[in-house]
Amino acid sequence: MDPRLVPGDAAPDFVLYDKDSNRVQLSGFRGQKLVLFFYPSAETPGCTLEACDFRDNEHIFGAMGYKVIGISSDNTLKVKHWAEKRNLQYTLLLDPEKTVHRAFGITRWSSPISMITGGRSRSTFVIDQDGKIDIALYNVQAFGHVKALRSLLESRTVAA
């Protein structure tokens, strides 16, 4: 089993391609804060709900200084079609070999549904401008997750 990341850990650097076949490296975002969410599969009800919640709240995350990025192990055509259909403008990365999933410790056989989806769990990481994990949320639910994350980040902003 791959170890899970905790706050303070360096976010594992990676290079993946986005839905438009552009090469994207995590370290290229140094100096920016990120919300990096892993979703099991485009076009499924839960992933569509979560992705659209991120879409609808992207401007709020942006106002707090966060860039939203999604990752799945789907193929390019599936994600590209889904993003166009749902008007998902933020970066969507493809990890078909699940190497980044494993690096973040989220490929697990933790439940019956994860067996169906290849062991992938829905997880979200908040990464600070220095490339360190600020928040690690494993096995989150699609419904209400974005709202809860937004509230958590807003409460930290108010407290600071």
Protein backbone atom coordinates (compact mmCIF):
# COMPACT_ATOMS: atom_id res chain seq x y z
CA MET A 1 0.00 0.00 0.00
CA ASP A 2 1.21 3.47 -0.81
CA PRO A 3 1.53 5.80 2.16
CA ARG A 4 -0.97 8.57 2.53
CA LEU A 5 0.21 12.16 2.48
CA VAL A 6 -0.24 14.41 5.48
CA PRO A 7 0.00 18.18 5.93
CA GLY A 8 3.60 19.33 5.69
CA ASP A 9 4.64 16.61 3.21
CA ALA A 10 6.03 17.75 -0.11
CA ALA A 11 3.46 17.16 -2.85
CA PRO A 12 4.95 14.57 -5.21
CA ASP A 13 6.04 16.28 -8.41
CA PHE A 14 4.67 14.84 -11.63
CA VAL A 15 4.27 15.43 -15.33
CA LEU A 16 0.92 14.60 -16.94
CA TYR A 17 -0.98 15.68 -20.02
CA ASP A 18 -4.19 17.64 -19.90
CA LYS A 19 -7.34 17.00 -21.91
CA ASP A 20 -5.90 19.09 -24.77
CA SER A 21 -2.61 17.10 -24.81
CA ASN A 22 -0.59 19.87 -23.17
CA ARG A 23 2.25 18.77 -20.88
CA VAL A 24 1.69 19.94 -17.30
CA GLN A 25 4.20 19.65 -14.44
CA LEU A 26 3.11 20.18 -10.85
CA SER A 27 6.29 22.08 -9.95
CA GLY A 28 5.35 24.57 -12.68
CA PHE A 29 2.67 25.86 -10.28
CA ARG A 30 5.19 26.78 -7.55
CA GLY A 31 4.19 30.12 -6.10
CA GLN A 32 0.47 29.31 -6.53
CA LYS A 33 -1.92 27.59 -4.17
CA LEU A 34 -3.76 24.60 -5.63
CA VAL A 35 -6.85 22.53 -5.03
CA LEU A 36 -5.98 19.20 -6.64
CA PHE A 37 -8.86 16.75 -6.77
CA PHE A 38 -8.82 13.15 -7.96
CA TYR A 39 -12.07 11.80 -9.35
CA PRO A 40 -12.75 8.18 -10.34
CA SER A 41 -14.34 8.53 -13.78
CA ALA A 42 -15.68 11.24 -16.07
CA GLU A 43 -19.33 10.96 -17.14
CA THR A 44 -20.40 9.22 -13.94
CA PRO A 45 -23.06 10.90 -11.77
CA GLY A 46 -20.85 11.45 -8.71
CA CYS A 47 -17.87 12.75 -10.66
CA THR A 48 -20.07 15.01 -12.74
CA LEU A 49 -21.67 16.43 -9.59
CA GLU A 50 -18.27 17.07 -8.01
CA ALA A 51 -16.71 18.51 -11.18
CA CYS A 52 -19.67 20.84 -11.72
CA ASP A 53 -19.51 21.93 -8.07
CA PHE A 54 -15.84 22.83 -8.61
CA ARG A 55 -16.82 24.65 -11.82
CA ASP A 56 -19.54 26.62 -10.05
CA ASN A 57 -17.21 27.55 -7.19
CA GLU A 58 -13.99 28.02 -9.17
CA HIS A 59 -14.28 31.82 -9.00
CA ILE A 60 -14.56 31.64 -5.20
CA PHE A 61 -11.51 29.38 -4.93
CA GLY A 62 -9.76 31.77 -7.30
CA ALA A 63 -10.67 34.77 -5.15
CA MET A 64 -9.04 32.96 -2.22
CA GLY A 65 -5.94 32.43 -4.36
CA TYR A 66 -6.44 28.77 -5.35
CA LYS A 67 -6.21 27.24 -8.80
CA VAL A 68 -8.43 24.15 -9.30
CA ILE A 69 -7.02 21.06 -11.05
CA GLY A 70 -8.73 17.68 -11.53
CA ILE A 71 -7.05 14.32 -12.21
CA SER A 72 -8.46 10.98 -13.36
CA SER A 73 -7.17 7.89 -15.10
CA ASP A 74 -9.65 8.31 -17.96
CA ASN A 75 -8.60 8.64 -21.59
CA THR A 76 -8.22 11.97 -23.38
CA LEU A 77 -11.31 11.75 -25.58
CA LYS A 78 -13.61 10.85 -22.71
CA VAL A 79 -12.40 13.73 -20.53
CA LYS A 80 -12.33 16.22 -23.40
CA HIS A 81 -15.92 15.39 -24.38
CA TRP A 82 -17.10 15.50 -20.77
CA ALA A 83 -15.36 18.85 -20.13
CA GLU A 84 -16.91 20.39 -23.23
CA LYS A 85 -20.36 19.01 -22.41
CA ARG A 86 -20.21 20.30 -18.81
CA ASN A 87 -18.26 23.53 -19.54
CA LEU A 88 -15.37 22.57 -17.27
CA GLN A 89 -12.78 25.26 -17.92
CA TYR A 90 -10.23 24.39 -15.23
CA THR A 91 -7.28 22.08 -15.86
CA LEU A 92 -8.15 18.37 -16.16
CA LEU A 93 -5.18 16.01 -16.17
CA LEU A 94 -4.96 12.38 -17.29
CA ASP A 95 -3.15 9.70 -15.30
CA PRO A 96 -3.88 6.50 -17.27
CA GLU A 97 -1.09 4.52 -15.59
CA LYS A 98 -2.26 5.75 -12.15
CA THR A 99 1.32 6.66 -11.19
CA VAL A 100 0.25 10.00 -9.73
CA HIS A 101 -2.67 8.35 -7.96
CA ARG A 102 -0.19 5.97 -6.28
CA ALA A 103 2.26 8.79 -5.49
CA PHE A 104 -0.54 10.57 -3.62
CA GLY A 105 -1.50 7.32 -1.85
CA ILE A 106 -5.02 7.13 -3.20
CA THR A 107 -5.09 3.94 -5.26
CA ARG A 108 -6.64 1.55 -2.79
CA TRP A 109 -9.01 -1.40 -2.63
CA SER A 110 -10.87 0.26 0.20
CA SER A 111 -14.48 -0.43 -0.71
CA PRO A 112 -16.60 -2.38 -3.17
CA ILE A 113 -17.00 0.67 -5.40
CA SER A 114 -13.23 1.21 -5.48
CA MET A 115 -12.84 -2.32 -6.83
CA ILE A 116 -15.20 -1.46 -9.68
CA THR A 117 -13.33 1.78 -10.44
CA GLY A 118 -9.87 0.18 -10.31
CA GLY A 119 -9.11 1.07 -6.72
CA ARG A 120 -9.39 4.80 -7.18
CA SER A 121 -10.83 6.87 -4.41
CA ARG A 122 -12.19 10.39 -4.59
CA SER A 123 -9.61 12.53 -2.79
CA THR A 124 -8.63 16.19 -2.63
CA PHE A 125 -5.40 17.91 -1.72
CA VAL A 126 -4.78 21.55 -0.98
CA ILE A 127 -1.21 22.43 -1.88
CA ASP A 128 0.46 25.61 -0.70
CA GLN A 129 2.59 27.95 -2.79
CA ASP A 130 5.77 26.12 -1.67
CA GLY A 131 4.51 22.78 -2.99
CA LYS A 132 3.64 21.33 0.43
CA ILE A 133 0.46 19.52 1.33
CA ASP A 134 -1.72 21.85 3.40
CA ILE A 135 -4.82 19.62 3.54
CA ALA A 136 -5.20 15.95 2.53
CA LEU A 137 -8.76 14.60 2.27
CA TYR A 138 -9.09 10.93 1.32
CA ASN A 139 -12.25 9.05 0.32
CA VAL A 140 -14.52 12.09 0.23
CA GLN A 141 -18.11 11.97 -0.94
CA ALA A 142 -19.09 13.76 -4.14
CA PHE A 143 -22.16 15.42 -2.65
CA GLY A 144 -21.27 18.35 -0.38
CA HIS A 145 -17.51 17.96 -0.63
CA VAL A 146 -16.82 21.18 -2.53
CA LYS A 147 -19.04 23.18 -0.16
CA ALA A 148 -17.27 21.71 2.88
CA LEU A 149 -13.83 22.38 1.38
CA ARG A 150 -14.81 25.93 0.50
CA SER A 151 -16.07 26.54 4.04
CA LEU A 152 -12.87 25.14 5.50
CA LEU A 153 -10.69 27.38 3.34
CA GLU A 154 -12.89 30.43 3.95
CA SER A 155 -12.69 29.91 7.73
CA ARG A 156 -8.89 29.75 7.51
CA THR A 157 -8.83 32.96 5.45
CA VAL A 158 -11.01 34.79 8.00
CA ALA A 159 -8.88 33.52 10.90
CA ALA A 160 -5.61 34.62 9.27
